[in-house]
Amino acid sequence: MFTDSLFFVVSLAVTFGVSLSFIAIGLLLVAAGLAALTAWFWISARPEPESLAPLEVMGQREFAQADDEARKQMLNAVRALPVLGADGASGVGQSAPIVSAQTGPTVQGETK
């Protein structure tokens, strides 16, 4: 197939009086353009975010066959940031205090 295509291109070049060196230079320019496009694509491609690492672990056979504690350990080992309260002491994680925003001036002694 490749030889047929190459023969076709060469026969067209001979028919129209185009030199083979011109065709070779053109093909080299196309190859250089494709190489530059490939390099740009690989450089500009974003890496996989660390937050998706647990999904990759969930797809493994070991994860499916493990018990709950082993699963938690496997997921916590690949997480980007440790989960608050993941130490197993309690099911509730620590949270920051909630601060309510006041919508307007208050009178001293008034409660909202």
PDB file of N, CA and C in Angstrom:
ATOM      1  N   MET A   1       0.823  -1.180   0.000  1.00  0.00           N
ATOM      2  CA  MET A   1       0.000   0.000   0.000  1.00  0.00           C
ATOM      3  C   MET A   1       0.873   1.252   0.000  1.00  0.00           C
ATOM      4  N   PHE A   2       1.901   1.244   0.870  1.00  0.00           N
ATOM      5  CA  PHE A   2       2.785   2.408   0.934  1.00  0.00           C
ATOM      6  C   PHE A   2       3.523   2.607  -0.383  1.00  0.00           C
ATOM      7  N   THR A   3       3.964   1.501  -0.973  1.00  0.00           N
ATOM      8  CA  THR A   3       4.700   1.616  -2.237  1.00  0.00           C
ATOM      9  C   THR A   3       3.801   2.126  -3.351  1.00  0.00           C
ATOM     10  N   ASP A   4       2.522   1.716  -3.332  1.00  0.00           N
ATOM     11  CA  ASP A   4       1.585   2.225  -4.331  1.00  0.00           C
ATOM     12  C   ASP A   4       1.389   3.727  -4.173  1.00  0.00           C
ATOM     13  N   SER A   5       1.253   4.184  -2.926  1.00  0.00           N
ATOM     14  CA  SER A   5       1.082   5.618  -2.683  1.00  0.00           C
ATOM     15  C   SER A   5       2.329   6.388  -3.089  1.00  0.00           C
ATOM     16  N   LEU A   6       3.478   5.852  -2.774  1.00  0.00           N
ATOM     17  CA  LEU A   6       4.724   6.512  -3.143  1.00  0.00           C
ATOM     18  C   LEU A   6       4.892   6.561  -4.662  1.00  0.00           C
ATOM     19  N   PHE A   7       4.554   5.474  -5.319  1.00  0.00           N
ATOM     20  CA  PHE A   7       4.629   5.442  -6.778  1.00  0.00           C
ATOM     21  C   PHE A   7       3.676   6.466  -7.394  1.00  0.00           C
ATOM     22  N   PHE A   8       2.482   6.618  -6.813  1.00  0.00           N
ATOM     23  CA  PHE A   8       1.516   7.592  -7.311  1.00  0.00           C
ATOM     24  C   PHE A   8       2.058   9.008  -7.189  1.00  0.00           C
ATOM     25  N   VAL A   9       2.635   9.331  -6.038  1.00  0.00           N
ATOM     26  CA  VAL A   9       3.186  10.674  -5.829  1.00  0.00           C
ATOM     27  C   VAL A   9       4.331  10.938  -6.794  1.00  0.00           C
ATOM     28  N   VAL A  10       5.191   9.972  -6.968  1.00  0.00           N
ATOM     29  CA  VAL A  10       6.330  10.147  -7.883  1.00  0.00           C
ATOM     30  C   VAL A  10       5.837  10.290  -9.325  1.00  0.00           C
ATOM     31  N   SER A  11       4.829   9.511  -9.701  1.00  0.00           N
ATOM     32  CA  SER A  11       4.315   9.613 -11.073  1.00  0.00           C
ATOM     33  C   SER A  11       3.639  10.956 -11.311  1.00  0.00           C
ATOM     34  N   LEU A  12       2.944  11.485 -10.306  1.00  0.00           N
ATOM     35  CA  LEU A  12       2.365  12.825 -10.441  1.00  0.00           C
ATOM     36  C   LEU A  12       3.458  13.877 -10.569  1.00  0.00           C
ATOM     37  N   ALA A  13       4.520  13.724  -9.783  1.00  0.00           N
ATOM     38  CA  ALA A  13       5.622  14.681  -9.841  1.00  0.00           C
ATOM     39  C   ALA A  13       6.274  14.672 -11.213  1.00  0.00           C
ATOM     40  N   VAL A  14       6.462  13.491 -11.765  1.00  0.00           N
ATOM     41  CA  VAL A  14       7.084  13.388 -13.098  1.00  0.00           C
ATOM     42  C   VAL A  14       6.146  13.967 -14.146  1.00  0.00           C
ATOM     43  N   THR A  15       4.848  13.707 -14.002  1.00  0.00           N
ATOM     44  CA  THR A  15       3.875  14.202 -14.971  1.00  0.00           C
ATOM     45  C   THR A  15       3.839  15.729 -15.004  1.00  0.00           C
ATOM     46  N   PHE A  16       3.856  16.348 -13.827  1.00  0.00           N
ATOM     47  CA  PHE A  16       3.769  17.804 -13.771  1.00  0.00           C
ATOM     48  C   PHE A  16       5.131  18.480 -13.794  1.00  0.00           C
ATOM     49  N   GLY A  17       6.184  17.741 -13.878  1.00  0.00           N
ATOM     50  CA  GLY A  17       7.514  18.314 -13.991  1.00  0.00           C
ATOM     51  C   GLY A  17       8.074  18.839 -12.685  1.00  0.00           C
ATOM     52  N   VAL A  18       7.589  18.324 -11.564  1.00  0.00           N
ATOM     53  CA  VAL A  18       8.102  18.736 -10.250  1.00  0.00           C
ATOM     54  C   VAL A  18       9.287  17.850  -9.920  1.00  0.00           C
ATOM     55  N   SER A  19      10.340  18.449  -9.442  1.00  0.00           N
ATOM     56  CA  SER A  19      11.528  17.662  -9.140  1.00  0.00           C
ATOM     57  C   SER A  19      11.325  16.847  -7.861  1.00  0.00           C
ATOM     58  N   LEU A  20      11.992  15.726  -7.786  1.00  0.00           N
ATOM     59  CA  LEU A  20      11.877  14.861  -6.609  1.00  0.00           C
ATOM     60  C   LEU A  20      12.478  15.516  -5.375  1.00  0.00           C
ATOM     61  N   SER A  21      13.462  16.365  -5.543  1.00  0.00           N
ATOM     62  CA  SER A  21      14.035  17.055  -4.378  1.00  0.00           C
ATOM     63  C   SER A  21      13.021  18.022  -3.770  1.00  0.00           C
ATOM     64  N   PHE A  22      12.187  18.627  -4.612  1.00  0.00           N
ATOM     65  CA  PHE A  22      11.133  19.515  -4.105  1.00  0.00           C
ATOM     66  C   PHE A  22      10.125  18.720  -3.276  1.00  0.00           C
ATOM     67  N   ILE A  23       9.761  17.540  -3.749  1.00  0.00           N
ATOM     68  CA  ILE A  23       8.844  16.681  -2.995  1.00  0.00           C
ATOM     69  C   ILE A  23       9.476  16.240  -1.686  1.00  0.00           C
ATOM     70  N   ALA A  24      10.750  15.889  -1.720  1.00  0.00           N
ATOM     71  CA  ALA A  24      11.443  15.451  -0.502  1.00  0.00           C
ATOM     72  C   ALA A  24      11.502  16.575   0.516  1.00  0.00           C
ATOM     73  N   ILE A  25      11.794  17.780   0.057  1.00  0.00           N
ATOM     74  CA  ILE A  25      11.843  18.927   0.976  1.00  0.00           C
ATOM     75  C   ILE A  25      10.454  19.187   1.558  1.00  0.00           C
ATOM     76  N   GLY A  26       9.434  19.076   0.727  1.00  0.00           N
ATOM     77  CA  GLY A  26       8.063  19.262   1.222  1.00  0.00           C
ATOM     78  C   GLY A  26       7.683  18.238   2.278  1.00  0.00           C
ATOM     79  N   LEU A  27       8.042  16.988   2.036  1.00  0.00           N
ATOM     80  CA  LEU A  27       7.740  15.943   3.019  1.00  0.00           C
ATOM     81  C   LEU A  27       8.525  16.148   4.314  1.00  0.00           C
ATOM     82  N   LEU A  28       9.753  16.613   4.199  1.00  0.00           N
ATOM     83  CA  LEU A  28      10.526  16.907   5.408  1.00  0.00           C
ATOM     84  C   LEU A  28       9.912  18.062   6.199  1.00  0.00           C
ATOM     85  N   LEU A  29       9.391  19.062   5.506  1.00  0.00           N
ATOM     86  CA  LEU A  29       8.713  20.169   6.196  1.00  0.00           C
ATOM     87  C   LEU A  29       7.441  19.696   6.896  1.00  0.00           C
ATOM     88  N   VAL A  30       6.701  18.811   6.250  1.00  0.00           N
ATOM     89  CA  VAL A  30       5.510  18.253   6.890  1.00  0.00           C
ATOM     90  C   VAL A  30       5.892  17.449   8.133  1.00  0.00           C
ATOM     91  N   ALA A  31       6.956  16.660   8.036  1.00  0.00           N
ATOM     92  CA  ALA A  31       7.420  15.876   9.190  1.00  0.00           C
ATOM     93  C   ALA A  31       7.867  16.786  10.328  1.00  0.00           C
ATOM     94  N   ALA A  32       8.571  17.865  10.000  1.00  0.00           N
ATOM     95  CA  ALA A  32       9.012  18.804  11.042  1.00  0.00           C
ATOM     96  C   ALA A  32       7.807  19.476  11.699  1.00  0.00           C
ATOM     97  N   GLY A  33       6.802  19.816  10.905  1.00  0.00           N
ATOM     98  CA  GLY A  33       5.590  20.415  11.467  1.00  0.00           C
ATOM     99  C   GLY A  33       4.860  19.461  12.395  1.00  0.00           C
ATOM    100  N   LEU A  34       4.764  18.204  11.995  1.00  0.00           N
ATOM    101  CA  LEU A  34       4.120  17.214  12.867  1.00  0.00           C
ATOM    102  C   LEU A  34       4.912  16.983  14.151  1.00  0.00           C
ATOM    103  N   ALA A  35       6.233  17.001  14.051  1.00  0.00           N
ATOM    104  CA  ALA A  35       7.069  16.846  15.249  1.00  0.00           C
ATOM    105  C   ALA A  35       6.882  18.035  16.185  1.00  0.00           C
ATOM    106  N   ALA A  36       6.807  19.234  15.632  1.00  0.00           N
ATOM    107  CA  ALA A  36       6.595  20.421  16.468  1.00  0.00           C
ATOM    108  C   ALA A  36       5.214  20.388  17.116  1.00  0.00           C
ATOM    109  N   LEU A  37       4.208  19.965  16.373  1.00  0.00           N
ATOM    110  CA  LEU A  37       2.861  19.856  16.926  1.00  0.00           C
ATOM    111  C   LEU A  37       2.806  18.819  18.042  1.00  0.00           C
ATOM    112  N   THR A  38       3.482  17.711  17.862  1.00  0.00           N
ATOM    113  CA  THR A  38       3.528  16.671  18.892  1.00  0.00           C
ATOM    114  C   THR A  38       4.231  17.168  20.145  1.00  0.00           C
ATOM    115  N   ALA A  39       5.350  17.862  19.976  1.00  0.00           N
ATOM    116  CA  ALA A  39       6.081  18.404  21.134  1.00  0.00           C
ATOM    117  C   ALA A  39       5.227  19.421  21.874  1.00  0.00           C
ATOM    118  N   TRP A  40       4.540  20.284  21.148  1.00  0.00           N
ATOM    119  CA  TRP A  40       3.671  21.275  21.801  1.00  0.00           C
ATOM    120  C   TRP A  40       2.560  20.579  22.576  1.00  0.00           C
ATOM    121  N   PHE A  41       1.964  19.541  21.988  1.00  0.00           N
ATOM    122  CA  PHE A  41       0.882  18.825  22.655  1.00  0.00           C
ATOM    123  C   PHE A  41       1.357  18.185  23.954  1.00  0.00           C
ATOM    124  N   TRP A  42       2.516  17.521  23.933  1.00  0.00           N
ATOM    125  CA  TRP A  42       3.014  16.850  25.127  1.00  0.00           C
ATOM    126  C   TRP A  42       3.421  17.836  26.199  1.00  0.00           C
ATOM    127  N   ILE A  43       3.929  18.989  25.809  1.00  0.00           N
ATOM    128  CA  ILE A  43       4.332  19.988  26.799  1.00  0.00           C
ATOM    129  C   ILE A  43       3.114  20.669  27.417  1.00  0.00           C
ATOM    130  N   SER A  44       2.117  20.948  26.607  1.00  0.00           N
ATOM    131  CA  SER A  44       0.966  21.693  27.107  1.00  0.00           C
ATOM    132  C   SER A  44      -0.077  20.816  27.784  1.00  0.00           C
ATOM    133  N   ALA A  45       0.014  19.513  27.637  1.00  0.00           N
ATOM    134  CA  ALA A  45      -0.966  18.618  28.251  1.00  0.00           C
ATOM    135  C   ALA A  45      -0.829  18.681  29.766  1.00  0.00           C
ATOM    136  N   ARG A  46      -1.965  18.776  30.432  1.00  0.00           N
ATOM    137  CA  ARG A  46      -1.955  18.853  31.889  1.00  0.00           C
ATOM    138  C   ARG A  46      -1.768  17.475  32.496  1.00  0.00           C
ATOM    139  N   PRO A  47      -1.013  17.391  33.577  1.00  0.00           N
ATOM    140  CA  PRO A  47      -0.904  16.094  34.263  1.00  0.00           C
ATOM    141  C   PRO A  47      -2.199  15.782  35.009  1.00  0.00           C
ATOM    142  N   GLU A  48      -2.368  14.543  35.337  1.00  0.00           N
ATOM    143  CA  GLU A  48      -3.555  14.129  36.077  1.00  0.00           C
ATOM    144  C   GLU A  48      -3.523  14.732  37.472  1.00  0.00           C
ATOM    145  N   PRO A  49      -4.623  15.339  37.909  1.00  0.00           N
ATOM    146  CA  PRO A  49      -4.631  15.920  39.256  1.00  0.00           C
ATOM    147  C   PRO A  49      -4.491  14.847  40.329  1.00  0.00           C
ATOM    148  N   GLU A  50      -3.851  15.214  41.425  1.00  0.00           N
ATOM    149  CA  GLU A  50      -3.661  14.259  42.526  1.00  0.00           C
ATOM    150  C   GLU A  50      -4.984  13.858  43.158  1.00  0.00           C
ATOM    151  N   SER A  51      -6.004  14.689  42.995  1.00  0.00           N
ATOM    152  CA  SER A  51      -7.287  14.368  43.613  1.00  0.00           C
ATOM    153  C   SER A  51      -7.975  13.182  42.950  1.00  0.00           C
ATOM    154  N   LEU A  52      -7.523  12.786  41.759  1.00  0.00           N
ATOM    155  CA  LEU A  52      -8.119  11.627  41.082  1.00  0.00           C
ATOM    156  C   LEU A  52      -7.405  10.317  41.403  1.00  0.00           C
ATOM    157  N   ALA A  53      -6.360  10.365  42.201  1.00  0.00           N
ATOM    158  CA  ALA A  53      -5.612   9.155  42.534  1.00  0.00           C
ATOM    159  C   ALA A  53      -6.468   8.096  43.235  1.00  0.00           C
ATOM    160  N   PRO A  54      -7.392   8.465  44.148  1.00  0.00           N
ATOM    161  CA  PRO A  54      -8.227   7.419  44.752  1.00  0.00           C
ATOM    162  C   PRO A  54      -9.079   6.660  43.732  1.00  0.00           C
ATOM    163  N   LEU A  55      -9.496   7.313  42.662  1.00  0.00           N
ATOM    164  CA  LEU A  55     -10.281   6.609  41.652  1.00  0.00           C
ATOM    165  C   LEU A  55      -9.459   5.528  40.958  1.00  0.00           C
ATOM    166  N   GLU A  56      -8.187   5.808  40.752  1.00  0.00           N
ATOM    167  CA  GLU A  56      -7.316   4.810  40.141  1.00  0.00           C
ATOM    168  C   GLU A  56      -7.152   3.597  41.051  1.00  0.00           C
ATOM    169  N   VAL A  57      -7.044   3.838  42.346  1.00  0.00           N
ATOM    170  CA  VAL A  57      -6.913   2.738  43.313  1.00  0.00           C
ATOM    171  C   VAL A  57      -8.202   1.927  43.366  1.00  0.00           C
ATOM    172  N   MET A  58      -9.341   2.607  43.269  1.00  0.00           N
ATOM    173  CA  MET A  58     -10.620   1.900  43.330  1.00  0.00           C
ATOM    174  C   MET A  58     -10.814   0.943  42.152  1.00  0.00           C
ATOM    175  N   GLY A  59     -10.113   1.168  41.075  1.00  0.00           N
ATOM    176  CA  GLY A  59     -10.227   0.303  39.917  1.00  0.00           C
ATOM    177  C   GLY A  59      -9.360  -0.939  39.981  1.00  0.00           C
ATOM    178  N   GLN A  60      -8.555  -1.079  41.020  1.00  0.00           N
ATOM    179  CA  GLN A  60      -7.664  -2.225  41.121  1.00  0.00           C
ATOM    180  C   GLN A  60      -8.374  -3.416  41.756  1.00  0.00           C
ATOM    181  N   ARG A  61      -7.925  -4.616  41.410  1.00  0.00           N
ATOM    182  CA  ARG A  61      -8.515  -5.844  41.938  1.00  0.00           C
ATOM    183  C   ARG A  61      -8.282  -5.970  43.448  1.00  0.00           C
ATOM    184  N   GLU A  62      -7.104  -5.540  43.907  1.00  0.00           N
ATOM    185  CA  GLU A  62      -6.803  -5.635  45.344  1.00  0.00           C
ATOM    186  C   GLU A  62      -7.793  -4.831  46.164  1.00  0.00           C
ATOM    187  N   PHE A  63      -8.213  -3.676  45.641  1.00  0.00           N
ATOM    188  CA  PHE A  63      -9.168  -2.833  46.360  1.00  0.00           C
ATOM    189  C   PHE A  63     -10.515  -3.537  46.468  1.00  0.00           C
ATOM    190  N   ALA A  64     -10.947  -4.174  45.404  1.00  0.00           N
ATOM    191  CA  ALA A  64     -12.237  -4.851  45.400  1.00  0.00           C
ATOM    192  C   ALA A  64     -12.251  -6.037  46.352  1.00  0.00           C
ATOM    193  N   GLN A  65     -11.110  -6.683  46.540  1.00  0.00           N
ATOM    194  CA  GLN A  65     -11.052  -7.861  47.390  1.00  0.00           C
ATOM    195  C   GLN A  65     -10.700  -7.547  48.839  1.00  0.00           C
ATOM    196  N   ALA A  66     -10.348  -6.304  49.142  1.00  0.00           N
ATOM    197  CA  ALA A  66      -9.919  -5.937  50.500  1.00  0.00           C
ATOM    198  C   ALA A  66     -11.129  -5.664  51.394  1.00  0.00           C
ATOM    199  N   ASP A  67     -10.877  -5.734  52.704  1.00  0.00           N
ATOM    200  CA  ASP A  67     -11.927  -5.388  53.653  1.00  0.00           C
ATOM    201  C   ASP A  67     -11.975  -3.866  53.827  1.00  0.00           C
ATOM    202  N   ASP A  68     -12.908  -3.387  54.648  1.00  0.00           N
ATOM    203  CA  ASP A  68     -13.126  -1.942  54.781  1.00  0.00           C
ATOM    204  C   ASP A  68     -11.904  -1.199  55.318  1.00  0.00           C
ATOM    205  N   GLU A  69     -11.242  -1.751  56.324  1.00  0.00           N
ATOM    206  CA  GLU A  69     -10.072  -1.077  56.895  1.00  0.00           C
ATOM    207  C   GLU A  69      -8.932  -0.990  55.888  1.00  0.00           C
ATOM    208  N   ALA A  70      -8.704  -2.059  55.152  1.00  0.00           N
ATOM    209  CA  ALA A  70      -7.649  -2.050  54.136  1.00  0.00           C
ATOM    210  C   ALA A  70      -7.984  -1.065  53.026  1.00  0.00           C
ATOM    211  N   ARG A  71      -9.257  -0.969  52.674  1.00  0.00           N
ATOM    212  CA  ARG A  71      -9.664  -0.007  51.656  1.00  0.00           C
ATOM    213  C   ARG A  71      -9.392   1.420  52.112  1.00  0.00           C
ATOM    214  N   LYS A  72      -9.736   1.714  53.364  1.00  0.00           N
ATOM    215  CA  LYS A  72      -9.475   3.061  53.888  1.00  0.00           C
ATOM    216  C   LYS A  72      -7.986   3.384  53.855  1.00  0.00           C
ATOM    217  N   GLN A  73      -7.165   2.411  54.229  1.00  0.00           N
ATOM    218  CA  GLN A  73      -5.722   2.633  54.225  1.00  0.00           C
ATOM    219  C   GLN A  73      -5.197   2.838  52.807  1.00  0.00           C
ATOM    220  N   MET A  74      -5.726   2.054  51.859  1.00  0.00           N
ATOM    221  CA  MET A  74      -5.282   2.198  50.475  1.00  0.00           C
ATOM    222  C   MET A  74      -5.654   3.572  49.920  1.00  0.00           C
ATOM    223  N   LEU A  75      -6.856   4.034  50.235  1.00  0.00           N
ATOM    224  CA  LEU A  75      -7.292   5.339  49.732  1.00  0.00           C
ATOM    225  C   LEU A  75      -6.533   6.477  50.397  1.00  0.00           C
ATOM    226  N   ASN A  76      -6.321   6.383  51.708  1.00  0.00           N
ATOM    227  CA  ASN A  76      -5.606   7.441  52.423  1.00  0.00           C
ATOM    228  C   ASN A  76      -4.139   7.514  52.012  1.00  0.00           C
ATOM    229  N   ALA A  77      -3.581   6.415  51.546  1.00  0.00           N
ATOM    230  CA  ALA A  77      -2.174   6.410  51.150  1.00  0.00           C
ATOM    231  C   ALA A  77      -1.940   7.215  49.870  1.00  0.00           C
ATOM    232  N   VAL A  78      -2.957   7.349  49.018  1.00  0.00           N
ATOM    233  CA  VAL A  78      -2.769   8.051  47.747  1.00  0.00           C
ATOM    234  C   VAL A  78      -3.448   9.411  47.698  1.00  0.00           C
ATOM    235  N   ARG A  79      -4.139   9.789  48.742  1.00  0.00           N
ATOM    236  CA  ARG A  79      -4.823  11.085  48.735  1.00  0.00           C
ATOM    237  C   ARG A  79      -3.810  12.219  48.776  1.00  0.00           C
ATOM    238  N   ALA A  80      -4.179  13.337  48.149  1.00  0.00           N
ATOM    239  CA  ALA A  80      -3.297  14.510  48.104  1.00  0.00           C
ATOM    240  C   ALA A  80      -3.138  15.110  49.493  1.00  0.00           C
ATOM    241  N   LEU A  81      -4.215  15.259  50.210  1.00  0.00           N
ATOM    242  CA  LEU A  81      -4.183  15.787  51.568  1.00  0.00           C
ATOM    243  C   LEU A  81      -4.867  14.779  52.472  1.00  0.00           C
ATOM    244  N   PRO A  82      -4.376  14.605  53.689  1.00  0.00           N
ATOM    245  CA  PRO A  82      -5.038  13.654  54.580  1.00  0.00           C
ATOM    246  C   PRO A  82      -6.446  14.133  54.934  1.00  0.00           C
ATOM    247  N   VAL A  83      -7.349  13.190  55.075  1.00  0.00           N
ATOM    248  CA  VAL A  83      -8.720  13.507  55.428  1.00  0.00           C
ATOM    249  C   VAL A  83      -8.783  13.776  56.916  1.00  0.00           C
ATOM    250  N   LEU A  84      -9.478  14.846  57.308  1.00  0.00           N
ATOM    251  CA  LEU A  84      -9.615  15.158  58.723  1.00  0.00           C
ATOM    252  C   LEU A  84     -10.461  14.076  59.382  1.00  0.00           C
ATOM    253  N   GLY A  85     -10.008  13.597  60.513  1.00  0.00           N
ATOM    254  CA  GLY A  85     -10.745  12.573  61.229  1.00  0.00           C
ATOM    255  C   GLY A  85     -10.570  11.186  60.634  1.00  0.00           C
ATOM    256  N   ALA A  86      -9.584  10.984  59.777  1.00  0.00           N
ATOM    257  CA  ALA A  86      -9.388   9.678  59.139  1.00  0.00           C
ATOM    258  C   ALA A  86      -8.598   8.722  60.014  1.00  0.00           C
ATOM    259  N   ASP A  87      -8.235   9.154  61.226  1.00  0.00           N
ATOM    260  CA  ASP A  87      -7.434   8.297  62.098  1.00  0.00           C
ATOM    261  C   ASP A  87      -8.250   7.165  62.699  1.00  0.00           C
ATOM    262  N   GLY A  88      -9.560   7.191  62.538  1.00  0.00           N
ATOM    263  CA  GLY A  88     -10.399   6.109  63.027  1.00  0.00           C
ATOM    264  C   GLY A  88     -10.903   6.339  64.432  1.00  0.00           C
ATOM    265  N   ALA A  89     -10.495   7.414  65.117  1.00  0.00           N
ATOM    266  CA  ALA A  89     -10.943   7.670  66.477  1.00  0.00           C
ATOM    267  C   ALA A  89     -12.428   7.998  66.505  1.00  0.00           C
ATOM    268  N   SER A  90     -12.883   8.751  65.558  1.00  0.00           N
ATOM    269  CA  SER A  90     -14.304   9.072  65.489  1.00  0.00           C
ATOM    270  C   SER A  90     -14.690   9.241  64.035  1.00  0.00           C
ATOM    271  N   GLY A  91     -15.953   9.073  63.760  1.00  0.00           N
ATOM    272  CA  GLY A  91     -16.437   9.208  62.400  1.00  0.00           C
ATOM    273  C   GLY A  91     -16.584  10.658  61.969  1.00  0.00           C
ATOM    274  N   VAL A  92     -16.516  11.581  62.947  1.00  0.00           N
ATOM    275  CA  VAL A  92     -16.719  12.989  62.642  1.00  0.00           C
ATOM    276  C   VAL A  92     -15.372  13.682  62.604  1.00  0.00           C
ATOM    277  N   GLY A  93     -15.096  14.393  61.531  1.00  0.00           N
ATOM    278  CA  GLY A  93     -13.842  15.122  61.408  1.00  0.00           C
ATOM    279  C   GLY A  93     -13.916  16.471  62.112  1.00  0.00           C
ATOM    280  N   GLN A  94     -12.765  17.026  62.390  1.00  0.00           N
ATOM    281  CA  GLN A  94     -12.729  18.350  62.989  1.00  0.00           C
ATOM    282  C   GLN A  94     -13.041  19.368  61.921  1.00  0.00           C
ATOM    283  N   SER A  95     -13.733  20.413  62.305  1.00  0.00           N
ATOM    284  CA  SER A  95     -14.058  21.449  61.335  1.00  0.00           C
ATOM    285  C   SER A  95     -13.732  22.811  61.923  1.00  0.00           C
ATOM    286  N   ALA A  96     -13.614  23.760  61.055  1.00  0.00           N
ATOM    287  CA  ALA A  96     -13.350  25.129  61.496  1.00  0.00           C
ATOM    288  C   ALA A  96     -14.621  25.691  62.119  1.00  0.00           C
ATOM    289  N   PRO A  97     -14.473  26.600  63.060  1.00  0.00           N
ATOM    290  CA  PRO A  97     -15.662  27.191  63.675  1.00  0.00           C
ATOM    291  C   PRO A  97     -16.452  27.984  62.636  1.00  0.00           C
ATOM    292  N   ILE A  98     -17.752  27.927  62.755  1.00  0.00           N
ATOM    293  CA  ILE A  98     -18.624  28.637  61.833  1.00  0.00           C
ATOM    294  C   ILE A  98     -18.839  30.044  62.342  1.00  0.00           C
ATOM    295  N   VAL A  99     -18.563  30.999  61.493  1.00  0.00           N
ATOM    296  CA  VAL A  99     -18.745  32.398  61.853  1.00  0.00           C
ATOM    297  C   VAL A  99     -19.907  32.922  61.033  1.00  0.00           C
ATOM    298  N   SER A 100     -20.895  33.469  61.717  1.00  0.00           N
ATOM    299  CA  SER A 100     -22.042  33.994  60.980  1.00  0.00           C
ATOM    300  C   SER A 100     -21.767  35.441  60.606  1.00  0.00           C
ATOM    301  N   ALA A 101     -22.167  35.791  59.423  1.00  0.00           N
ATOM    302  CA  ALA A 101     -21.994  37.163  58.956  1.00  0.00           C
ATOM    303  C   ALA A 101     -23.223  37.961  59.335  1.00  0.00           C
ATOM    304  N   GLN A 102     -22.995  39.080  59.991  1.00  0.00           N
ATOM    305  CA  GLN A 102     -24.117  39.928  60.370  1.00  0.00           C
ATOM    306  C   GLN A 102     -24.479  40.802  59.183  1.00  0.00           C
ATOM    307  N   THR A 103     -25.786  40.972  58.997  1.00  0.00           N
ATOM    308  CA  THR A 103     -26.239  41.716  57.828  1.00  0.00           C
ATOM    309  C   THR A 103     -26.337  43.210  58.085  1.00  0.00           C
ATOM    310  N   GLY A 104     -26.293  43.634  59.282  1.00  0.00           N
ATOM    311  CA  GLY A 104     -26.402  45.072  59.547  1.00  0.00           C
ATOM    312  C   GLY A 104     -25.967  45.381  60.964  1.00  0.00           C
ATOM    313  N   PRO A 105     -26.057  46.639  61.341  1.00  0.00           N
ATOM    314  CA  PRO A 105     -25.655  47.006  62.697  1.00  0.00           C
ATOM    315  C   PRO A 105     -26.619  46.404  63.717  1.00  0.00           C
ATOM    316  N   THR A 106     -26.070  46.000  64.853  1.00  0.00           N
ATOM    317  CA  THR A 106     -26.913  45.435  65.916  1.00  0.00           C
ATOM    318  C   THR A 106     -26.855  46.349  67.126  1.00  0.00           C
ATOM    319  N   VAL A 107     -27.912  46.290  67.866  1.00  0.00           N
ATOM    320  CA  VAL A 107     -27.985  47.051  69.118  1.00  0.00           C
ATOM    321  C   VAL A 107     -27.363  46.192  70.199  1.00  0.00           C
ATOM    322  N   GLN A 108     -26.644  46.867  71.095  1.00  0.00           N
ATOM    323  CA  GLN A 108     -25.974  46.118  72.136  1.00  0.00           C
ATOM    324  C   GLN A 108     -26.995  45.366  72.967  1.00  0.00           C
ATOM    325  N   GLY A 109     -26.757  44.078  73.155  1.00  0.00           N
ATOM    326  CA  GLY A 109     -27.661  43.243  73.943  1.00  0.00           C
ATOM    327  C   GLY A 109     -28.663  42.512  73.077  1.00  0.00           C
ATOM    328  N   GLU A 110     -28.756  42.840  71.791  1.00  0.00           N
ATOM    329  CA  GLU A 110     -29.696  42.173  70.902  1.00  0.00           C
ATOM    330  C   GLU A 110     -29.094  40.845  70.419  1.00  0.00           C
ATOM    331  N   THR A 111     -29.901  39.842  70.319  1.00  0.00           N
ATOM    332  CA  THR A 111     -29.414  38.565  69.810  1.00  0.00           C
ATOM    333  C   THR A 111     -30.111  38.265  68.502  1.00  0.00           C
ATOM    334  N   LYS A 112     -29.408  37.617  67.661  1.00  0.00           N
ATOM    335  CA  LYS A 112     -29.979  37.240  66.372  1.00  0.00           C
ATOM    336  C   LYS A 112     -30.184  35.766  66.315  1.00  0.00           C
TER     337      LYS A 112
END
